[in-house]
N, C-alpha and C. Protein backbone atom coordinates (compact mmCIF):
# COMPACT_ATOMS: atom_id res chain seq x y z
N MET A 1 0.82 -1.19 0.00
CA MET A 1 0.00 0.00 0.00
C MET A 1 0.86 1.26 0.00
N LYS A 2 1.95 1.25 0.80
CA LYS A 2 2.84 2.41 0.85
C LYS A 2 3.48 2.66 -0.51
N ARG A 3 3.83 1.57 -1.19
CA ARG A 3 4.44 1.72 -2.52
C ARG A 3 3.45 2.34 -3.50
N LEU A 4 2.21 1.92 -3.43
CA LEU A 4 1.18 2.47 -4.31
C LEU A 4 0.99 3.96 -4.05
N ILE A 5 0.94 4.35 -2.79
CA ILE A 5 0.80 5.76 -2.44
C ILE A 5 2.02 6.56 -2.91
N ALA A 6 3.22 6.00 -2.71
CA ALA A 6 4.44 6.69 -3.17
C ALA A 6 4.43 6.82 -4.69
N PHE A 7 4.01 5.75 -5.38
CA PHE A 7 3.94 5.79 -6.84
C PHE A 7 2.96 6.86 -7.32
N LEU A 8 1.77 6.88 -6.73
CA LEU A 8 0.76 7.87 -7.12
C LEU A 8 1.22 9.28 -6.82
N LEU A 9 1.91 9.45 -5.70
CA LEU A 9 2.45 10.77 -5.36
C LEU A 9 3.48 11.21 -6.41
N CYS A 10 4.35 10.29 -6.81
CA CYS A 10 5.35 10.62 -7.85
C CYS A 10 4.68 10.98 -9.17
N VAL A 11 3.67 10.20 -9.55
CA VAL A 11 2.95 10.48 -10.80
C VAL A 11 2.29 11.86 -10.74
N PHE A 12 1.66 12.16 -9.59
CA PHE A 12 1.02 13.45 -9.42
C PHE A 12 2.04 14.59 -9.52
N LEU A 13 3.19 14.44 -8.85
CA LEU A 13 4.22 15.48 -8.88
C LEU A 13 4.77 15.67 -10.28
N LEU A 14 5.01 14.58 -10.98
CA LEU A 14 5.51 14.69 -12.36
C LEU A 14 4.49 15.36 -13.26
N ALA A 15 3.23 15.04 -13.08
CA ALA A 15 2.18 15.68 -13.89
C ALA A 15 2.12 17.17 -13.59
N ALA A 16 2.27 17.54 -12.33
CA ALA A 16 2.25 18.96 -11.97
C ALA A 16 3.44 19.68 -12.56
N CYS A 17 4.60 19.03 -12.56
CA CYS A 17 5.79 19.66 -13.13
C CYS A 17 5.67 19.79 -14.64
N GLY A 18 4.95 18.87 -15.27
CA GLY A 18 4.84 18.89 -16.71
C GLY A 18 3.82 19.89 -17.23
N ARG A 19 2.98 20.41 -16.34
CA ARG A 19 1.97 21.38 -16.78
C ARG A 19 2.65 22.63 -17.31
N SER A 20 2.04 23.19 -18.32
CA SER A 20 2.59 24.41 -18.87
C SER A 20 2.00 25.60 -18.12
N ASP A 21 2.84 26.40 -17.58
CA ASP A 21 2.42 27.60 -16.86
C ASP A 21 2.73 28.79 -17.75
N PRO A 22 1.72 29.40 -18.37
CA PRO A 22 1.97 30.51 -19.29
C PRO A 22 2.72 31.68 -18.66
N GLN A 23 2.44 32.00 -17.40
CA GLN A 23 3.14 33.11 -16.74
C GLN A 23 4.62 32.79 -16.57
N ALA A 24 4.93 31.56 -16.16
CA ALA A 24 6.33 31.16 -16.02
C ALA A 24 7.03 31.17 -17.38
N ALA A 25 6.33 30.72 -18.42
CA ALA A 25 6.90 30.73 -19.77
C ALA A 25 7.15 32.16 -20.24
N LEU A 26 6.24 33.08 -19.90
CA LEU A 26 6.42 34.49 -20.26
C LEU A 26 7.65 35.07 -19.57
N GLU A 27 7.77 34.81 -18.28
CA GLU A 27 8.93 35.33 -17.54
C GLU A 27 10.23 34.72 -18.05
N ALA A 28 10.18 33.45 -18.47
CA ALA A 28 11.36 32.81 -19.04
C ALA A 28 11.73 33.47 -20.38
N ALA A 29 10.74 33.83 -21.19
CA ALA A 29 11.01 34.49 -22.47
C ALA A 29 11.65 35.85 -22.25
N VAL A 30 11.16 36.59 -21.26
CA VAL A 30 11.76 37.90 -20.93
C VAL A 30 13.21 37.71 -20.51
N LYS A 31 13.47 36.72 -19.66
CA LYS A 31 14.83 36.45 -19.20
C LYS A 31 15.72 36.00 -20.36
N ASN A 32 15.17 35.15 -21.24
CA ASN A 32 15.94 34.70 -22.41
C ASN A 32 16.33 35.87 -23.30
N LEU A 33 15.44 36.83 -23.45
CA LEU A 33 15.75 38.02 -24.25
C LEU A 33 16.92 38.77 -23.62
N GLN A 34 16.88 38.98 -22.32
CA GLN A 34 17.95 39.68 -21.62
C GLN A 34 19.28 38.93 -21.76
N VAL A 35 19.27 37.64 -21.50
CA VAL A 35 20.50 36.84 -21.57
C VAL A 35 21.05 36.80 -22.99
N SER A 36 20.18 36.63 -23.97
CA SER A 36 20.63 36.57 -25.37
C SER A 36 21.27 37.88 -25.82
N LEU A 37 20.71 39.01 -25.37
CA LEU A 37 21.32 40.30 -25.69
C LEU A 37 22.69 40.42 -25.03
N GLU A 38 22.79 40.02 -23.76
CA GLU A 38 24.07 40.11 -23.06
C GLU A 38 25.12 39.18 -23.68
N LYS A 39 24.69 38.04 -24.21
CA LYS A 39 25.61 37.11 -24.86
C LYS A 39 25.93 37.53 -26.30
N LYS A 40 25.25 38.58 -26.76
CA LYS A 40 25.41 39.07 -28.13
C LYS A 40 25.05 37.98 -29.14
N ASP A 41 23.97 37.26 -28.84
CA ASP A 41 23.52 36.15 -29.66
C ASP A 41 22.34 36.59 -30.53
N THR A 42 22.66 37.15 -31.68
CA THR A 42 21.64 37.68 -32.59
C THR A 42 20.61 36.62 -32.97
N ASP A 43 21.06 35.42 -33.29
CA ASP A 43 20.13 34.37 -33.70
C ASP A 43 19.15 34.01 -32.59
N ALA A 44 19.63 33.97 -31.35
CA ALA A 44 18.74 33.65 -30.23
C ALA A 44 17.70 34.75 -30.03
N VAL A 45 18.12 36.01 -30.18
CA VAL A 45 17.16 37.12 -30.05
C VAL A 45 16.14 37.05 -31.18
N LEU A 46 16.60 36.84 -32.40
CA LEU A 46 15.68 36.77 -33.53
C LEU A 46 14.70 35.60 -33.38
N ALA A 47 15.13 34.51 -32.75
CA ALA A 47 14.24 33.37 -32.52
C ALA A 47 13.10 33.72 -31.56
N LEU A 48 13.32 34.75 -30.72
CA LEU A 48 12.28 35.18 -29.79
C LEU A 48 11.30 36.17 -30.43
N LEU A 49 11.61 36.65 -31.62
CA LEU A 49 10.76 37.63 -32.28
C LEU A 49 9.67 36.95 -33.11
N HIS A 50 8.48 37.48 -32.99
CA HIS A 50 7.33 37.03 -33.79
C HIS A 50 7.60 37.41 -35.25
N PRO A 51 7.10 36.64 -36.21
CA PRO A 51 7.30 37.00 -37.63
C PRO A 51 6.80 38.41 -37.95
N ASP A 52 5.79 38.91 -37.23
CA ASP A 52 5.24 40.24 -37.47
C ASP A 52 5.80 41.28 -36.50
N PHE A 53 6.98 41.02 -35.94
CA PHE A 53 7.58 41.93 -34.97
C PHE A 53 7.69 43.34 -35.55
N SER A 54 7.39 44.33 -34.69
CA SER A 54 7.55 45.73 -35.09
C SER A 54 8.11 46.51 -33.91
N ALA A 55 8.78 47.59 -34.26
CA ALA A 55 9.31 48.50 -33.25
C ALA A 55 8.86 49.90 -33.66
N GLN A 56 9.51 50.89 -33.14
CA GLN A 56 9.12 52.28 -33.42
C GLN A 56 9.69 52.77 -34.74
N GLN A 57 10.18 51.87 -35.56
CA GLN A 57 10.77 52.24 -36.84
C GLN A 57 9.79 51.93 -37.97
N PRO A 58 9.80 52.71 -39.03
CA PRO A 58 8.87 52.45 -40.14
C PRO A 58 9.27 51.24 -40.99
N GLN A 59 10.51 50.77 -40.87
CA GLN A 59 10.96 49.65 -41.70
C GLN A 59 10.61 48.31 -41.07
N ASP A 60 10.94 47.24 -41.76
CA ASP A 60 10.71 45.88 -41.29
C ASP A 60 11.33 45.69 -39.90
N GLY A 61 10.53 45.29 -38.96
CA GLY A 61 10.98 45.18 -37.57
C GLY A 61 12.09 44.19 -37.35
N ARG A 62 12.00 43.02 -37.97
CA ARG A 62 13.03 42.00 -37.78
C ARG A 62 14.36 42.45 -38.39
N GLU A 63 14.29 43.07 -39.55
CA GLU A 63 15.54 43.54 -40.18
C GLU A 63 16.13 44.70 -39.37
N TRP A 64 15.28 45.58 -38.88
CA TRP A 64 15.75 46.67 -38.01
C TRP A 64 16.43 46.10 -36.77
N ALA A 65 15.83 45.06 -36.16
CA ALA A 65 16.41 44.44 -34.97
C ALA A 65 17.78 43.85 -35.29
N ARG A 66 17.89 43.16 -36.41
CA ARG A 66 19.18 42.55 -36.81
C ARG A 66 20.24 43.64 -37.00
N GLN A 67 19.91 44.70 -37.71
CA GLN A 67 20.87 45.77 -37.97
C GLN A 67 21.28 46.48 -36.68
N THR A 68 20.30 46.75 -35.82
CA THR A 68 20.58 47.44 -34.56
C THR A 68 21.48 46.59 -33.67
N MET A 69 21.19 45.30 -33.58
CA MET A 69 22.05 44.43 -32.77
C MET A 69 23.46 44.34 -33.35
N THR A 70 23.56 44.25 -34.66
CA THR A 70 24.88 44.18 -35.29
C THR A 70 25.71 45.41 -34.94
N LEU A 71 25.12 46.59 -35.05
CA LEU A 71 25.85 47.81 -34.71
C LEU A 71 26.22 47.86 -33.23
N LEU A 72 25.27 47.53 -32.38
CA LEU A 72 25.51 47.54 -30.94
C LEU A 72 26.59 46.54 -30.56
N PHE A 73 26.54 45.35 -31.11
CA PHE A 73 27.51 44.31 -30.77
C PHE A 73 28.90 44.62 -31.31
N LEU A 74 28.97 45.29 -32.45
CA LEU A 74 30.28 45.69 -32.98
C LEU A 74 30.88 46.84 -32.18
N ARG A 75 30.04 47.72 -31.69
CA ARG A 75 30.49 48.89 -30.96
C ARG A 75 31.00 48.53 -29.56
N HIS A 76 30.42 47.51 -28.94
CA HIS A 76 30.76 47.18 -27.55
C HIS A 76 31.15 45.72 -27.41
N LYS A 77 32.27 45.49 -26.74
CA LYS A 77 32.72 44.13 -26.47
C LYS A 77 31.77 43.44 -25.49
N ASN A 78 31.32 44.17 -24.49
CA ASN A 78 30.43 43.63 -23.47
C ASN A 78 29.15 44.46 -23.43
N ILE A 79 28.02 43.77 -23.35
CA ILE A 79 26.71 44.40 -23.27
C ILE A 79 26.07 43.99 -21.95
N GLY A 80 25.47 44.94 -21.27
CA GLY A 80 24.74 44.63 -20.04
C GLY A 80 23.31 45.11 -20.17
N VAL A 81 22.39 44.30 -19.73
CA VAL A 81 20.97 44.66 -19.69
C VAL A 81 20.54 44.47 -18.24
N ILE A 82 20.30 45.58 -17.56
CA ILE A 82 19.96 45.53 -16.15
C ILE A 82 18.50 45.94 -16.00
N ALA A 83 17.68 45.00 -15.52
CA ALA A 83 16.26 45.30 -15.29
C ALA A 83 16.14 46.00 -13.93
N LEU A 84 15.83 47.29 -13.97
CA LEU A 84 15.67 48.05 -12.73
C LEU A 84 14.30 47.78 -12.11
N SER A 85 13.32 47.58 -12.97
CA SER A 85 11.99 47.16 -12.54
C SER A 85 11.35 46.44 -13.72
N GLN A 86 10.43 45.53 -13.40
CA GLN A 86 9.80 44.76 -14.47
C GLN A 86 8.46 44.20 -14.00
N ASP A 87 7.47 44.28 -14.89
CA ASP A 87 6.16 43.72 -14.60
C ASP A 87 5.66 43.04 -15.87
N SER A 88 5.49 41.72 -15.80
CA SER A 88 4.97 40.96 -16.94
C SER A 88 3.62 40.39 -16.56
N ARG A 89 2.67 40.53 -17.47
CA ARG A 89 1.32 40.04 -17.18
C ARG A 89 0.65 39.56 -18.47
N ILE A 90 -0.18 38.57 -18.31
CA ILE A 90 -0.95 38.02 -19.42
C ILE A 90 -2.31 38.71 -19.43
N ASP A 91 -2.77 39.09 -20.60
CA ASP A 91 -4.07 39.74 -20.74
C ASP A 91 -5.16 38.75 -20.33
N PRO A 92 -5.95 39.07 -19.30
CA PRO A 92 -6.97 38.12 -18.85
C PRO A 92 -8.08 37.89 -19.88
N LYS A 93 -8.30 38.85 -20.77
CA LYS A 93 -9.36 38.70 -21.78
C LYS A 93 -8.86 37.99 -23.03
N VAL A 94 -7.55 38.14 -23.31
CA VAL A 94 -6.94 37.49 -24.48
C VAL A 94 -5.69 36.78 -23.97
N PRO A 95 -5.81 35.52 -23.51
CA PRO A 95 -4.68 34.84 -22.87
C PRO A 95 -3.51 34.52 -23.80
N SER A 96 -3.66 34.79 -25.09
CA SER A 96 -2.53 34.60 -26.00
C SER A 96 -1.74 35.90 -26.19
N LEU A 97 -2.06 36.92 -25.40
CA LEU A 97 -1.42 38.22 -25.48
C LEU A 97 -0.87 38.58 -24.09
N ALA A 98 0.35 39.10 -24.06
CA ALA A 98 0.95 39.46 -22.78
C ALA A 98 1.76 40.74 -22.95
N PHE A 99 2.04 41.36 -21.82
CA PHE A 99 2.74 42.65 -21.82
C PHE A 99 3.82 42.64 -20.74
N THR A 100 4.93 43.29 -21.06
CA THR A 100 5.99 43.51 -20.08
C THR A 100 6.30 45.00 -20.09
N ASP A 101 6.22 45.62 -18.94
CA ASP A 101 6.65 47.01 -18.76
C ASP A 101 7.89 46.95 -17.90
N ALA A 102 8.94 47.64 -18.35
CA ALA A 102 10.19 47.56 -17.59
C ALA A 102 10.96 48.86 -17.70
N SER A 103 11.77 49.06 -16.70
CA SER A 103 12.77 50.11 -16.72
C SER A 103 14.10 49.38 -16.77
N VAL A 104 14.87 49.64 -17.83
CA VAL A 104 16.13 48.92 -18.00
C VAL A 104 17.28 49.89 -18.22
N ALA A 105 18.45 49.45 -17.82
CA ALA A 105 19.68 50.18 -18.11
C ALA A 105 20.47 49.32 -19.08
N LEU A 106 20.86 49.91 -20.20
CA LEU A 106 21.72 49.22 -21.16
C LEU A 106 23.11 49.78 -21.01
N THR A 107 24.07 48.89 -20.85
CA THR A 107 25.46 49.32 -20.71
C THR A 107 26.30 48.68 -21.80
N GLY A 108 27.33 49.40 -22.19
CA GLY A 108 28.29 48.88 -23.14
C GLY A 108 29.68 49.12 -22.62
N ALA A 109 30.57 48.16 -22.88
CA ALA A 109 31.92 48.29 -22.36
C ALA A 109 32.92 47.61 -23.27
N GLU A 110 34.13 48.12 -23.27
CA GLU A 110 35.23 47.47 -23.96
C GLU A 110 35.95 46.51 -23.02
N GLY A 111 35.81 46.76 -21.71
CA GLY A 111 36.41 45.89 -20.69
C GLY A 111 35.35 45.58 -19.65
N LEU A 112 35.79 45.50 -18.40
CA LEU A 112 34.86 45.18 -17.33
C LEU A 112 34.00 46.36 -16.90
N ILE A 113 34.53 47.56 -17.01
CA ILE A 113 33.81 48.76 -16.56
C ILE A 113 33.06 49.38 -17.73
N PRO A 114 31.74 49.55 -17.59
CA PRO A 114 30.96 50.14 -18.69
C PRO A 114 31.47 51.55 -19.04
N ASP A 115 31.56 51.82 -20.33
CA ASP A 115 31.94 53.16 -20.76
C ASP A 115 30.75 53.92 -21.35
N SER A 116 29.60 53.26 -21.40
CA SER A 116 28.36 53.94 -21.79
C SER A 116 27.19 53.26 -21.10
N ALA A 117 26.19 54.05 -20.76
CA ALA A 117 24.99 53.51 -20.13
C ALA A 117 23.83 54.45 -20.41
N ARG A 118 22.67 53.85 -20.66
CA ARG A 118 21.44 54.63 -20.86
C ARG A 118 20.29 53.89 -20.22
N GLN A 119 19.37 54.66 -19.66
CA GLN A 119 18.19 54.06 -19.05
C GLN A 119 17.00 54.27 -19.98
N TYR A 120 16.16 53.24 -20.09
CA TYR A 120 14.98 53.28 -20.95
C TYR A 120 13.77 52.73 -20.20
N ARG A 121 12.60 53.24 -20.57
CA ARG A 121 11.33 52.61 -20.20
C ARG A 121 10.91 51.84 -21.44
N VAL A 122 10.71 50.56 -21.30
CA VAL A 122 10.35 49.75 -22.46
C VAL A 122 9.00 49.07 -22.22
N LYS A 123 8.27 48.94 -23.31
CA LYS A 123 6.99 48.22 -23.30
C LYS A 123 7.11 47.13 -24.35
N LEU A 124 6.96 45.89 -23.90
CA LEU A 124 7.04 44.74 -24.78
C LEU A 124 5.66 44.11 -24.89
N GLN A 125 5.28 43.76 -26.08
CA GLN A 125 4.02 43.03 -26.28
C GLN A 125 4.39 41.66 -26.82
N TRP A 126 3.85 40.62 -26.21
CA TRP A 126 4.15 39.24 -26.55
C TRP A 126 2.91 38.55 -27.09
N ARG A 127 3.12 37.61 -28.00
CA ARG A 127 2.03 36.80 -28.55
C ARG A 127 2.41 35.33 -28.34
N LEU A 128 1.47 34.55 -27.85
CA LEU A 128 1.71 33.13 -27.62
C LEU A 128 1.58 32.38 -28.94
N VAL A 129 2.65 31.71 -29.34
CA VAL A 129 2.67 30.92 -30.57
C VAL A 129 2.95 29.48 -30.14
N GLY A 130 1.94 28.64 -30.21
CA GLY A 130 2.08 27.29 -29.67
C GLY A 130 2.21 27.40 -28.16
N LYS A 131 3.36 27.01 -27.64
CA LYS A 131 3.62 27.12 -26.20
C LYS A 131 4.72 28.14 -25.90
N GLN A 132 5.13 28.90 -26.92
CA GLN A 132 6.22 29.87 -26.75
C GLN A 132 5.71 31.29 -26.93
N TRP A 133 6.20 32.15 -26.06
CA TRP A 133 5.89 33.57 -26.19
C TRP A 133 6.89 34.19 -27.17
N LYS A 134 6.36 34.94 -28.13
CA LYS A 134 7.19 35.63 -29.13
C LYS A 134 6.94 37.13 -29.00
N LEU A 135 8.01 37.89 -29.05
CA LEU A 135 7.93 39.34 -28.95
C LEU A 135 7.38 39.88 -30.27
N ILE A 136 6.24 40.58 -30.17
CA ILE A 136 5.61 41.08 -31.39
C ILE A 136 5.75 42.60 -31.52
N GLN A 137 5.92 43.30 -30.40
CA GLN A 137 6.05 44.76 -30.47
C GLN A 137 6.95 45.28 -29.36
N LEU A 138 7.76 46.26 -29.73
CA LEU A 138 8.68 46.91 -28.79
C LEU A 138 8.53 48.42 -28.90
N GLN A 139 8.34 49.07 -27.76
CA GLN A 139 8.31 50.54 -27.70
C GLN A 139 9.22 50.97 -26.55
N TRP A 140 9.81 52.13 -26.68
CA TRP A 140 10.69 52.62 -25.63
C TRP A 140 10.66 54.12 -25.55
N GLU A 141 11.08 54.63 -24.41
CA GLU A 141 11.23 56.08 -24.20
C GLU A 141 12.58 56.33 -23.58
């Protein structure tokens, strides 16, 4: 009987771990974006972008993102993305849509000490594609 209870408990725990938590997946996507930028991994960042990604530029959003990252990565040996504050939430009326509002500091450096830094307020809009959140819109001030 104890073995049966232990077995059922393990099955229950594994099932709970296997459940997809959209909020956790959203927070993981935000973190992946930050880490990919810091690693200067253009392909990883582009993989997080929705095919219809747009930013505050009139041109193609994905191509703008590629060009901007290329310039930023060439200009700085080290990139830092510091989230000063962050709030990610899923739209309760449209659960395939989510938003992240954040205050971030972007730093660039040739060595260990940043030689440039700027603070931004960013608004990210995410769209759920399958089980993955993809960044569909970026705005900043």
